[in-house]
Amino acid sequence: MLKTFVYRLYPSKPQARRLDSTLETCRRWYNQCLAERRDAYQQRGETAGKFAQQWLRSVTDTGAM
């Protein structure tokens, strides 16, 4: 049997701003990764998973490609 616990957060204003900022960063990163996958499929017909995309980003960021 699994138990579930639910907690309610009551952040202060600075904490709420920090949480909002973190959420915005995650949203932008996810959308950028999704756009890269979509563009790779549309341009080259390739599908890229999470790990392939991480490898591709590391190669292109270092300029080794």
Foldseek 3Di string as FASTA:
>chain_A
DDDDDDDDDDDDPVVVVVVVVVVVVVVVVVVVLVVVQVCCCVPPVDGDDPVRSVVVVVCVVVPVD
